[in-house]
């Protein structure tokens, strides 16, 4: 990508998209095409077609999507499937019809089967059933990455997809009904600290293992891939750093400064037992993560406290 090229970043107000826009500007890419959801409904095929016909972006990064934690995914699988499927189909196909030079579609680690060999290699997609609690979201994301692969194979267009580990970072969602595990835990511990509680209840056994990646690293990887990767197969973007949910909870408890104990509610689901990406391919290309988990958590907590007022 050249600095003057028109780059459309969908979902630029979201967690991942906002990080990508910030990094693009930092690196000198200033000709960015941005639309909020109110300005452009990506589930509306006609509206998306009109947008591409008018704006004619050179490059597209698809970061938009309906996202949420295990609670939201479990309660609204139809919404997560439909919205994310529509966004993928409309944006990717319109990009192809309007001759976008290159596109990056961002998938999700939950695309991998629940019973998946660890670390998870890209070739394992569709080798089994995804975790039931986020199946709708996972299937839509799989479809998006496959559409990029099929267009690459059938028409020779340079459309690629990447699968980041679990994202977190400044700008994260702190809505109790929609938040992922990291902001949810930050809110829990902060509330417990302020109320002088003696314990915090943790969903599940705490034994599930996860890999988290800061949005700054996702942004850096996205730009790197746009400039350095062209292949039909999707590519993992991870840190090689994994923790159990209990270890993550203890880390956040320390950062928040809560002195009570952690009590696990084993009646609640753990989700996938272990989820860590095999990021050998992107590392071989020359990219690696730069934000350590504790550093990223401390930054996010400071941002959360500052915005609470």
C-alpha atoms as a PDB file:
ATOM      1  CA  UNK A   1       0.000   0.000   0.000  1.00  0.00           C
ATOM      2  CA  UNK A   2       1.208   3.505  -0.817  1.00  0.00           C
ATOM      3  CA  UNK A   3       0.665   6.313   1.673  1.00  0.00           C
ATOM      4  CA  UNK A   4      -1.735   8.141  -0.680  1.00  0.00           C
ATOM      5  CA  UNK A   5      -3.920   5.105  -1.516  1.00  0.00           C
ATOM      6  CA  UNK A   6      -7.579   5.167  -0.501  1.00  0.00           C
ATOM      7  CA  UNK A   7      -7.972   2.657   2.322  1.00  0.00           C
ATOM      8  CA  UNK A   8     -11.399   1.703   3.638  1.00  0.00           C
ATOM      9  CA  UNK A   9     -11.401   0.336   7.184  1.00  0.00           C
ATOM     10  CA  UNK A  10     -14.801  -1.044   8.108  1.00  0.00           C
ATOM     11  CA  UNK A  11     -15.696  -0.980  11.789  1.00  0.00           C
ATOM     12  CA  UNK A  12     -13.321   1.902  12.502  1.00  0.00           C
ATOM     13  CA  UNK A  13     -15.139   2.856  15.724  1.00  0.00           C
ATOM     14  CA  UNK A  14     -14.825  -0.658  17.159  1.00  0.00           C
ATOM     15  CA  UNK A  15     -12.058  -2.159  19.250  1.00  0.00           C
ATOM     16  CA  UNK A  16      -9.968  -3.636  16.431  1.00  0.00           C
ATOM     17  CA  UNK A  17     -10.887  -1.153  13.700  1.00  0.00           C
ATOM     18  CA  UNK A  18     -10.040   1.895  15.793  1.00  0.00           C
ATOM     19  CA  UNK A  19      -6.620   0.439  16.551  1.00  0.00           C
ATOM     20  CA  UNK A  20      -5.981  -0.160  12.849  1.00  0.00           C
ATOM     21  CA  UNK A  21      -6.973   3.402  11.930  1.00  0.00           C
ATOM     22  CA  UNK A  22      -4.747   4.818  14.664  1.00  0.00           C
ATOM     23  CA  UNK A  23      -1.760   2.811  13.438  1.00  0.00           C
ATOM     24  CA  UNK A  24      -2.384   3.636   9.770  1.00  0.00           C
ATOM     25  CA  UNK A  25      -2.359   7.343  10.593  1.00  0.00           C
ATOM     26  CA  UNK A  26       0.763   6.891  12.710  1.00  0.00           C
ATOM     27  CA  UNK A  27       2.521   5.290   9.737  1.00  0.00           C
ATOM     28  CA  UNK A  28       1.509   8.110   7.387  1.00  0.00           C
ATOM     29  CA  UNK A  29      -1.546   6.649   5.649  1.00  0.00           C
ATOM     30  CA  UNK A  30      -3.882   9.623   5.578  1.00  0.00           C
ATOM     31  CA  UNK A  31      -6.300   8.943   2.714  1.00  0.00           C
ATOM     32  CA  UNK A  32      -8.632   6.824   4.825  1.00  0.00           C
ATOM     33  CA  UNK A  33     -12.272   6.154   3.959  1.00  0.00           C
ATOM     34  CA  UNK A  34     -14.347   5.765   7.131  1.00  0.00           C
ATOM     35  CA  UNK A  35     -18.058   5.365   7.828  1.00  0.00           C
ATOM     36  CA  UNK A  36     -19.907   4.852  11.093  1.00  0.00           C
ATOM     37  CA  UNK A  37     -22.743   2.348  11.335  1.00  0.00           C
ATOM     38  CA  UNK A  38     -25.257   5.205  11.181  1.00  0.00           C
ATOM     39  CA  UNK A  39     -23.648   6.435   7.970  1.00  0.00           C
ATOM     40  CA  UNK A  40     -23.416   3.005   6.335  1.00  0.00           C
ATOM     41  CA  UNK A  41     -25.263  -0.160   7.362  1.00  0.00           C
ATOM     42  CA  UNK A  42     -23.025  -2.958   6.152  1.00  0.00           C
ATOM     43  CA  UNK A  43     -25.871  -5.477   6.326  1.00  0.00           C
ATOM     44  CA  UNK A  44     -27.665  -3.477   3.589  1.00  0.00           C
ATOM     45  CA  UNK A  45     -26.380  -4.834   0.285  1.00  0.00           C
ATOM     46  CA  UNK A  46     -27.638  -1.920  -1.797  1.00  0.00           C
ATOM     47  CA  UNK A  47     -26.132   0.668   0.532  1.00  0.00           C
ATOM     48  CA  UNK A  48     -22.774  -1.097   0.423  1.00  0.00           C
ATOM     49  CA  UNK A  49     -22.869  -1.239  -3.385  1.00  0.00           C
ATOM     50  CA  UNK A  50     -23.589   2.496  -3.589  1.00  0.00           C
ATOM     51  CA  UNK A  51     -20.767   3.245  -1.164  1.00  0.00           C
ATOM     52  CA  UNK A  52     -18.172   1.288  -3.154  1.00  0.00           C
ATOM     53  CA  UNK A  53     -19.342   2.742  -6.439  1.00  0.00           C
ATOM     54  CA  UNK A  54     -18.964   6.276  -5.072  1.00  0.00           C
ATOM     55  CA  UNK A  55     -15.824   6.003  -2.922  1.00  0.00           C
ATOM     56  CA  UNK A  56     -13.801   3.486  -4.993  1.00  0.00           C
ATOM     57  CA  UNK A  57     -11.305   2.455  -2.306  1.00  0.00           C
ATOM     58  CA  UNK A  58      -8.000   0.935  -3.410  1.00  0.00           C
ATOM     59  CA  UNK A  59      -7.630  -1.268  -0.340  1.00  0.00           C
ATOM     60  CA  UNK A  60     -10.078  -2.654   2.217  1.00  0.00           C
ATOM     61  CA  UNK A  61      -9.586  -3.959   5.748  1.00  0.00           C
ATOM     62  CA  UNK A  62     -12.709  -5.641   7.139  1.00  0.00           C
ATOM     63  CA  UNK A  63     -12.788  -5.125  10.891  1.00  0.00           C
ATOM     64  CA  UNK A  64     -16.539  -4.607  11.280  1.00  0.00           C
ATOM     65  CA  UNK A  65     -18.768  -7.121  12.983  1.00  0.00           C
ATOM     66  CA  UNK A  66     -21.208  -7.877  15.756  1.00  0.00           C
ATOM     67  CA  UNK A  67     -19.084  -9.043  18.681  1.00  0.00           C
ATOM     68  CA  UNK A  68     -19.699 -10.065  22.268  1.00  0.00           C
ATOM     69  CA  UNK A  69     -18.658 -12.374  25.062  1.00  0.00           C
ATOM     70  CA  UNK A  70     -19.803 -15.897  25.856  1.00  0.00           C
ATOM     71  CA  UNK A  71     -23.087 -14.659  27.397  1.00  0.00           C
ATOM     72  CA  UNK A  72     -24.093 -12.569  24.383  1.00  0.00           C
ATOM     73  CA  UNK A  73     -23.096 -15.269  21.888  1.00  0.00           C
ATOM     74  CA  UNK A  74     -25.040 -17.918  23.773  1.00  0.00           C
ATOM     75  CA  UNK A  75     -28.200 -15.827  23.998  1.00  0.00           C
ATOM     76  CA  UNK A  76     -28.284 -14.440  20.436  1.00  0.00           C
ATOM     77  CA  UNK A  77     -26.704 -16.926  17.996  1.00  0.00           C
ATOM     78  CA  UNK A  78     -29.047 -15.914  15.158  1.00  0.00           C
ATOM     79  CA  UNK A  79     -28.044 -12.262  15.436  1.00  0.00           C
ATOM     80  CA  UNK A  80     -24.334 -13.060  15.507  1.00  0.00           C
ATOM     81  CA  UNK A  81     -24.658 -15.378  12.523  1.00  0.00           C
ATOM     82  CA  UNK A  82     -26.840 -13.131  10.345  1.00  0.00           C
ATOM     83  CA  UNK A  83     -25.129  -9.794  10.937  1.00  0.00           C
ATOM     84  CA  UNK A  84     -21.597 -11.108  10.485  1.00  0.00           C
ATOM     85  CA  UNK A  85     -22.531 -13.183   7.452  1.00  0.00           C
ATOM     86  CA  UNK A  86     -24.177 -10.178   5.793  1.00  0.00           C
ATOM     87  CA  UNK A  87     -21.192  -7.917   6.492  1.00  0.00           C
ATOM     88  CA  UNK A  88     -18.737 -10.444   5.069  1.00  0.00           C
ATOM     89  CA  UNK A  89     -20.759 -11.145   1.921  1.00  0.00           C
ATOM     90  CA  UNK A  90     -21.601  -7.516   1.191  1.00  0.00           C
ATOM     91  CA  UNK A  91     -18.189  -5.964   1.807  1.00  0.00           C
ATOM     92  CA  UNK A  92     -16.055  -8.705   0.243  1.00  0.00           C
ATOM     93  CA  UNK A  93     -18.228  -9.162  -2.847  1.00  0.00           C
ATOM     94  CA  UNK A  94     -18.607  -5.421  -3.427  1.00  0.00           C
ATOM     95  CA  UNK A  95     -14.828  -5.094  -3.132  1.00  0.00           C
ATOM     96  CA  UNK A  96     -14.435  -7.703  -5.850  1.00  0.00           C
ATOM     97  CA  UNK A  97     -17.054  -6.102  -8.134  1.00  0.00           C
ATOM     98  CA  UNK A  98     -15.456  -2.676  -7.759  1.00  0.00           C
ATOM     99  CA  UNK A  99     -11.911  -3.977  -8.353  1.00  0.00           C
ATOM    100  CA  UNK A 100     -10.395  -3.301  -4.937  1.00  0.00           C
ATOM    101  CA  UNK A 101      -6.685  -4.103  -5.270  1.00  0.00           C
ATOM    102  CA  UNK A 102      -6.338  -5.975  -1.997  1.00  0.00           C
ATOM    103  CA  UNK A 103      -8.567  -6.896   0.927  1.00  0.00           C
ATOM    104  CA  UNK A 104      -7.897  -8.235   4.406  1.00  0.00           C
ATOM    105  CA  UNK A 105     -10.727  -9.942   6.276  1.00  0.00           C
ATOM    106  CA  UNK A 106     -10.240 -10.453  10.002  1.00  0.00           C
ATOM    107  CA  UNK A 107     -11.609 -13.691  11.377  1.00  0.00           C
ATOM    108  CA  UNK A 108     -11.612 -15.036  14.923  1.00  0.00           C
ATOM    109  CA  UNK A 109      -9.887 -17.781  16.893  1.00  0.00           C
ATOM    110  CA  UNK A 110     -13.311 -19.197  17.771  1.00  0.00           C
ATOM    111  CA  UNK A 111     -13.514 -20.409  14.168  1.00  0.00           C
ATOM    112  CA  UNK A 112     -11.426 -23.418  15.180  1.00  0.00           C
ATOM    113  CA  UNK A 113     -13.113 -26.649  16.319  1.00  0.00           C
ATOM    114  CA  UNK A 114     -13.732 -27.127  20.027  1.00  0.00           C
ATOM    115  CA  UNK A 115     -11.785 -30.376  20.009  1.00  0.00           C
ATOM    116  CA  UNK A 116      -8.815 -29.010  18.107  1.00  0.00           C
ATOM    117  CA  UNK A 117      -5.191 -30.054  18.267  1.00  0.00           C
ATOM    118  CA  UNK A 118      -3.162 -27.379  20.023  1.00  0.00           C
ATOM    119  CA  UNK A 119      -1.597 -25.051  19.010  1.00  0.00           C
ATOM    120  CA  UNK A 120      -4.181 -24.570  16.267  1.00  0.00           C
ATOM    121  CA  UNK A 121      -2.836 -24.626  12.726  1.00  0.00           C
ATOM    122  CA  UNK A 122      -4.609 -22.881   9.867  1.00  0.00           C
ATOM    123  CA  UNK A 123      -5.330 -26.154   8.062  1.00  0.00           C
ATOM    124  CA  UNK A 124      -7.529 -27.279  10.983  1.00  0.00           C
ATOM    125  CA  UNK A 125     -10.393 -24.924  10.125  1.00  0.00           C
ATOM    126  CA  UNK A 126     -13.516 -27.020   9.366  1.00  0.00           C
ATOM    127  CA  UNK A 127     -11.904 -30.170  10.761  1.00  0.00           C
ATOM    128  CA  UNK A 128     -14.581 -30.334  13.493  1.00  0.00           C
ATOM    129  CA  UNK A 129     -17.469 -28.531  15.199  1.00  0.00           C
ATOM    130  CA  UNK A 130     -16.879 -25.114  16.796  1.00  0.00           C
ATOM    131  CA  UNK A 131     -17.639 -24.450  20.462  1.00  0.00           C
ATOM    132  CA  UNK A 132     -21.442 -24.446  20.845  1.00  0.00           C
ATOM    133  CA  UNK A 133     -21.568 -21.197  22.835  1.00  0.00           C
ATOM    134  CA  UNK A 134     -20.314 -19.142  19.873  1.00  0.00           C
ATOM    135  CA  UNK A 135     -21.201 -21.370  16.926  1.00  0.00           C
ATOM    136  CA  UNK A 136     -23.260 -18.742  15.062  1.00  0.00           C
ATOM    137  CA  UNK A 137     -20.460 -16.181  15.171  1.00  0.00           C
ATOM    138  CA  UNK A 138     -17.827 -18.783  14.287  1.00  0.00           C
ATOM    139  CA  UNK A 139     -19.703 -20.061  11.228  1.00  0.00           C
ATOM    140  CA  UNK A 140     -20.156 -16.548   9.863  1.00  0.00           C
ATOM    141  CA  UNK A 141     -16.457 -15.804  10.326  1.00  0.00           C
ATOM    142  CA  UNK A 142     -15.474 -19.065   8.646  1.00  0.00           C
ATOM    143  CA  UNK A 143     -17.672 -18.127   5.678  1.00  0.00           C
ATOM    144  CA  UNK A 144     -15.949 -14.745   5.378  1.00  0.00           C
ATOM    145  CA  UNK A 145     -12.476 -16.250   5.283  1.00  0.00           C
ATOM    146  CA  UNK A 146     -13.635 -18.885   2.787  1.00  0.00           C
ATOM    147  CA  UNK A 147     -15.101 -16.275   0.460  1.00  0.00           C
ATOM    148  CA  UNK A 148     -11.702 -14.558   0.363  1.00  0.00           C
ATOM    149  CA  UNK A 149     -10.049 -17.896  -0.420  1.00  0.00           C
ATOM    150  CA  UNK A 150     -12.528 -18.742  -3.172  1.00  0.00           C
ATOM    151  CA  UNK A 151     -12.166 -15.336  -4.839  1.00  0.00           C
ATOM    152  CA  UNK A 152      -8.390 -15.690  -4.639  1.00  0.00           C
ATOM    153  CA  UNK A 153      -8.570 -19.144  -6.221  1.00  0.00           C
ATOM    154  CA  UNK A 154     -11.230 -18.506  -8.856  1.00  0.00           C
ATOM    155  CA  UNK A 155     -10.448 -14.954  -9.942  1.00  0.00           C
ATOM    156  CA  UNK A 156      -6.849 -14.463  -8.818  1.00  0.00           C
ATOM    157  CA  UNK A 157      -7.629 -11.420  -6.666  1.00  0.00           C
ATOM    158  CA  UNK A 158      -5.344 -10.619  -3.754  1.00  0.00           C
ATOM    159  CA  UNK A 159      -7.919 -11.108  -0.989  1.00  0.00           C
ATOM    160  CA  UNK A 160      -6.512 -12.503   2.225  1.00  0.00           C
ATOM    161  CA  UNK A 161      -7.787 -13.343   5.699  1.00  0.00           C
ATOM    162  CA  UNK A 162      -6.217 -13.508   9.129  1.00  0.00           C
ATOM    163  CA  UNK A 163      -7.221 -15.022  12.458  1.00  0.00           C
ATOM    164  CA  UNK A 164      -6.140 -12.974  15.487  1.00  0.00           C
ATOM    165  CA  UNK A 165      -6.096 -14.412  18.990  1.00  0.00           C
ATOM    166  CA  UNK A 166      -8.595 -13.004  21.516  1.00  0.00           C
ATOM    167  CA  UNK A 167      -8.427  -9.226  21.178  1.00  0.00           C
ATOM    168  CA  UNK A 168      -8.285  -6.707  24.001  1.00  0.00           C
ATOM    169  CA  UNK A 169      -7.006  -3.157  24.430  1.00  0.00           C
ATOM    170  CA  UNK A 170      -7.803   0.499  24.844  1.00  0.00           C
ATOM    171  CA  UNK A 171     -11.318   1.138  23.553  1.00  0.00           C
ATOM    172  CA  UNK A 172     -12.606  -2.236  24.766  1.00  0.00           C
ATOM    173  CA  UNK A 173     -16.305  -2.708  25.490  1.00  0.00           C
ATOM    174  CA  UNK A 174     -17.227  -2.327  29.161  1.00  0.00           C
ATOM    175  CA  UNK A 175     -20.929  -3.082  28.712  1.00  0.00           C
ATOM    176  CA  UNK A 176     -21.796  -5.828  31.246  1.00  0.00           C
ATOM    177  CA  UNK A 177     -24.044  -7.579  28.706  1.00  0.00           C
ATOM    178  CA  UNK A 178     -21.586  -7.503  25.792  1.00  0.00           C
ATOM    179  CA  UNK A 179     -18.063  -7.425  27.189  1.00  0.00           C
ATOM    180  CA  UNK A 180     -15.442 -10.102  26.657  1.00  0.00           C
ATOM    181  CA  UNK A 181     -13.595 -11.732  29.528  1.00  0.00           C
ATOM    182  CA  UNK A 182     -10.895  -9.082  30.159  1.00  0.00           C
ATOM    183  CA  UNK A 183     -13.127  -5.994  30.498  1.00  0.00           C
ATOM    184  CA  UNK A 184     -15.705  -8.132  32.342  1.00  0.00           C
ATOM    185  CA  UNK A 185     -13.093  -9.106  34.923  1.00  0.00           C
ATOM    186  CA  UNK A 186     -11.818  -5.544  35.254  1.00  0.00           C
ATOM    187  CA  UNK A 187     -15.354  -4.344  35.994  1.00  0.00           C
ATOM    188  CA  UNK A 188     -15.938  -7.173  38.465  1.00  0.00           C
ATOM    189  CA  UNK A 189     -12.780  -6.490  40.441  1.00  0.00           C
ATOM    190  CA  UNK A 190     -13.221  -2.730  40.407  1.00  0.00           C
ATOM    191  CA  UNK A 191     -16.779  -3.059  41.717  1.00  0.00           C
ATOM    192  CA  UNK A 192     -15.686  -5.551  44.377  1.00  0.00           C
ATOM    193  CA  UNK A 193     -12.865  -3.246  45.440  1.00  0.00           C
ATOM    194  CA  UNK A 194     -15.178  -0.247  45.751  1.00  0.00           C
ATOM    195  CA  UNK A 195     -17.774  -2.248  47.680  1.00  0.00           C
ATOM    196  CA  UNK A 196     -15.144  -3.831  49.951  1.00  0.00           C
ATOM    197  CA  UNK A 197     -16.331  -7.335  49.003  1.00  0.00           C
ATOM    198  CA  UNK A 198     -14.368 -10.320  50.248  1.00  0.00           C
ATOM    199  CA  UNK A 199     -14.628 -12.358  47.046  1.00  0.00           C
ATOM    200  CA  UNK A 200     -15.304 -12.312  43.294  1.00  0.00           C
ATOM    201  CA  UNK A 201     -17.167 -15.097  41.490  1.00  0.00           C
ATOM    202  CA  UNK A 202     -15.405 -16.398  38.369  1.00  0.00           C
ATOM    203  CA  UNK A 203     -17.441 -18.197  35.704  1.00  0.00           C
ATOM    204  CA  UNK A 204     -16.368 -21.797  35.109  1.00  0.00           C
ATOM    205  CA  UNK A 205     -13.498 -23.748  36.592  1.00  0.00           C
ATOM    206  CA  UNK A 206     -10.869 -21.190  35.621  1.00  0.00           C
ATOM    207  CA  UNK A 207      -8.850 -23.917  33.908  1.00  0.00           C
ATOM    208  CA  UNK A 208      -9.612 -22.919  30.307  1.00  0.00           C
ATOM    209  CA  UNK A 209      -6.504 -21.610  28.552  1.00  0.00           C
ATOM    210  CA  UNK A 210      -6.530 -18.581  26.274  1.00  0.00           C
ATOM    211  CA  UNK A 211      -4.187 -16.445  24.209  1.00  0.00           C
ATOM    212  CA  UNK A 212      -4.833 -12.695  24.163  1.00  0.00           C
ATOM    213  CA  UNK A 213      -3.495 -10.134  21.721  1.00  0.00           C
ATOM    214  CA  UNK A 214      -3.464  -6.377  22.164  1.00  0.00           C
ATOM    215  CA  UNK A 215      -5.189  -4.338  19.476  1.00  0.00           C
ATOM    216  CA  UNK A 216      -1.942  -2.479  18.767  1.00  0.00           C
ATOM    217  CA  UNK A 217      -0.418  -5.788  17.734  1.00  0.00           C
ATOM    218  CA  UNK A 218      -3.452  -6.649  15.587  1.00  0.00           C
ATOM    219  CA  UNK A 219      -3.134  -3.275  13.867  1.00  0.00           C
ATOM    220  CA  UNK A 220       0.578  -3.731  13.227  1.00  0.00           C
ATOM    221  CA  UNK A 221      -0.013  -7.258  11.937  1.00  0.00           C
ATOM    222  CA  UNK A 222      -2.855  -6.131   9.654  1.00  0.00           C
ATOM    223  CA  UNK A 223      -0.723  -3.487   7.952  1.00  0.00           C
ATOM    224  CA  UNK A 224       2.187  -5.932   7.776  1.00  0.00           C
ATOM    225  CA  UNK A 225       0.010  -8.542   6.060  1.00  0.00           C
ATOM    226  CA  UNK A 226      -1.404  -6.045   3.585  1.00  0.00           C
ATOM    227  CA  UNK A 227       2.162  -5.321   2.515  1.00  0.00           C
ATOM    228  CA  UNK A 228       3.742  -8.745   2.871  1.00  0.00           C
ATOM    229  CA  UNK A 229       1.248 -11.602   2.498  1.00  0.00           C
ATOM    230  CA  UNK A 230      -0.623 -12.914  -0.537  1.00  0.00           C
ATOM    231  CA  UNK A 231      -2.047 -16.430  -0.319  1.00  0.00           C
ATOM    232  CA  UNK A 232      -5.309 -18.323  -0.419  1.00  0.00           C
ATOM    233  CA  UNK A 233      -4.922 -19.814   3.045  1.00  0.00           C
ATOM    234  CA  UNK A 234      -5.850 -17.763   6.090  1.00  0.00           C
ATOM    235  CA  UNK A 235      -3.039 -16.904   8.495  1.00  0.00           C
ATOM    236  CA  UNK A 236      -2.920 -16.878  12.295  1.00  0.00           C
ATOM    237  CA  UNK A 237      -1.900 -13.782  14.269  1.00  0.00           C
ATOM    238  CA  UNK A 238      -0.926 -14.680  17.822  1.00  0.00           C
ATOM    239  CA  UNK A 239       1.511 -13.952  20.629  1.00  0.00           C
ATOM    240  CA  UNK A 240       2.511 -17.483  21.746  1.00  0.00           C
ATOM    241  CA  UNK A 241       1.651 -16.324  25.298  1.00  0.00           C
ATOM    242  CA  UNK A 242      -1.199 -18.240  26.951  1.00  0.00           C
ATOM    243  CA  UNK A 243      -2.764 -18.119  30.409  1.00  0.00           C
ATOM    244  CA  UNK A 244      -5.554 -19.931  32.202  1.00  0.00           C
ATOM    245  CA  UNK A 245      -8.635 -17.860  32.962  1.00  0.00           C
ATOM    246  CA  UNK A 246      -7.732 -18.246  36.656  1.00  0.00           C
ATOM    247  CA  UNK A 247      -4.235 -16.857  36.027  1.00  0.00           C
ATOM    248  CA  UNK A 248      -5.701 -14.010  33.982  1.00  0.00           C
ATOM    249  CA  UNK A 249      -8.159 -13.298  36.791  1.00  0.00           C
ATOM    250  CA  UNK A 250      -5.370 -13.207  39.365  1.00  0.00           C
ATOM    251  CA  UNK A 251      -3.342 -10.854  37.187  1.00  0.00           C
ATOM    252  CA  UNK A 252      -6.275  -8.462  36.812  1.00  0.00           C
ATOM    253  CA  UNK A 253      -7.035  -8.689  40.543  1.00  0.00           C
ATOM    254  CA  UNK A 254      -3.476  -7.567  41.270  1.00  0.00           C
ATOM    255  CA  UNK A 255      -3.616  -4.700  38.762  1.00  0.00           C
ATOM    256  CA  UNK A 256      -6.951  -3.447  40.130  1.00  0.00           C
ATOM    257  CA  UNK A 257      -5.745  -3.803  43.703  1.00  0.00           C
ATOM    258  CA  UNK A 258      -8.543  -6.026  45.015  1.00  0.00           C
ATOM    259  CA  UNK A 259      -7.493  -8.052  48.058  1.00  0.00           C
ATOM    260  CA  UNK A 260     -10.325 -10.582  48.237  1.00  0.00           C
ATOM    261  CA  UNK A 261     -10.400 -14.182  47.056  1.00  0.00           C
ATOM    262  CA  UNK A 262     -11.497 -15.758  43.784  1.00  0.00           C
ATOM    263  CA  UNK A 263     -14.334 -18.311  43.894  1.00  0.00           C
ATOM    264  CA  UNK A 264     -15.065 -20.385  40.787  1.00  0.00           C
ATOM    265  CA  UNK A 265     -18.696 -21.117  39.826  1.00  0.00           C
ATOM    266  CA  UNK A 266     -18.330 -24.503  38.158  1.00  0.00           C
ATOM    267  CA  UNK A 267     -22.000 -24.497  37.097  1.00  0.00           C
ATOM    268  CA  UNK A 268     -21.081 -21.918  34.423  1.00  0.00           C
ATOM    269  CA  UNK A 269     -19.482 -22.926  31.095  1.00  0.00           C
ATOM    270  CA  UNK A 270     -15.743 -22.737  30.442  1.00  0.00           C
ATOM    271  CA  UNK A 271     -16.073 -22.560  26.684  1.00  0.00           C
ATOM    272  CA  UNK A 272     -13.309 -24.160  24.645  1.00  0.00           C
ATOM    273  CA  UNK A 273     -10.823 -25.942  26.989  1.00  0.00           C
ATOM    274  CA  UNK A 274      -7.743 -24.497  25.310  1.00  0.00           C
ATOM    275  CA  UNK A 275      -7.279 -22.029  22.472  1.00  0.00           C
ATOM    276  CA  UNK A 276      -3.839 -20.999  21.301  1.00  0.00           C
ATOM    277  CA  UNK A 277      -2.838 -20.266  17.735  1.00  0.00           C
ATOM    278  CA  UNK A 278       0.128 -21.671  15.872  1.00  0.00           C
ATOM    279  CA  UNK A 279       1.601 -18.440  14.503  1.00  0.00           C
ATOM    280  CA  UNK A 280       4.601 -20.047  12.823  1.00  0.00           C
ATOM    281  CA  UNK A 281       3.648 -18.710   9.378  1.00  0.00           C
ATOM    282  CA  UNK A 282       3.433 -15.030  10.272  1.00  0.00           C
ATOM    283  CA  UNK A 283       6.557 -15.262  12.426  1.00  0.00           C
ATOM    284  CA  UNK A 284       8.419 -16.751   9.470  1.00  0.00           C
ATOM    285  CA  UNK A 285       7.410 -13.696   7.428  1.00  0.00           C
ATOM    286  CA  UNK A 286       9.109 -11.455   9.975  1.00  0.00           C
ATOM    287  CA  UNK A 287       6.297 -10.285  12.266  1.00  0.00           C
ATOM    288  CA  UNK A 288       5.999 -10.873  16.012  1.00  0.00           C
ATOM    289  CA  UNK A 289       3.917  -9.329  18.787  1.00  0.00           C
ATOM    290  CA  UNK A 290       5.325  -6.480  20.857  1.00  0.00           C
ATOM    291  CA  UNK A 291       2.854  -5.939  23.738  1.00  0.00           C
ATOM    292  CA  UNK A 292       3.211  -8.240  26.768  1.00  0.00           C
ATOM    293  CA  UNK A 293      -0.100  -9.246  28.346  1.00  0.00           C
ATOM    294  CA  UNK A 294       0.456  -7.614  31.740  1.00  0.00           C
ATOM    295  CA  UNK A 295       1.607  -4.358  30.110  1.00  0.00           C
ATOM    296  CA  UNK A 296      -1.487  -4.298  27.935  1.00  0.00           C
ATOM    297  CA  UNK A 297      -3.770  -5.032  30.891  1.00  0.00           C
ATOM    298  CA  UNK A 298      -2.251  -2.232  32.950  1.00  0.00           C
ATOM    299  CA  UNK A 299      -2.734   0.214  30.077  1.00  0.00           C
ATOM    300  CA  UNK A 300      -6.349  -0.877  29.600  1.00  0.00           C
ATOM    301  CA  UNK A 301      -7.136  -0.548  33.323  1.00  0.00           C
ATOM    302  CA  UNK A 302      -5.649   2.940  33.451  1.00  0.00           C
ATOM    303  CA  UNK A 303      -7.734   3.933  30.427  1.00  0.00           C
ATOM    304  CA  UNK A 304     -10.874   2.455  31.992  1.00  0.00           C
ATOM    305  CA  UNK A 305     -10.378   4.363  35.252  1.00  0.00           C
ATOM    306  CA  UNK A 306      -9.613   7.643  33.452  1.00  0.00           C
ATOM    307  CA  UNK A 307     -12.804   7.411  31.386  1.00  0.00           C
ATOM    308  CA  UNK A 308     -15.005   6.655  34.379  1.00  0.00           C
ATOM    309  CA  UNK A 309     -14.332  10.173  35.627  1.00  0.00           C
END
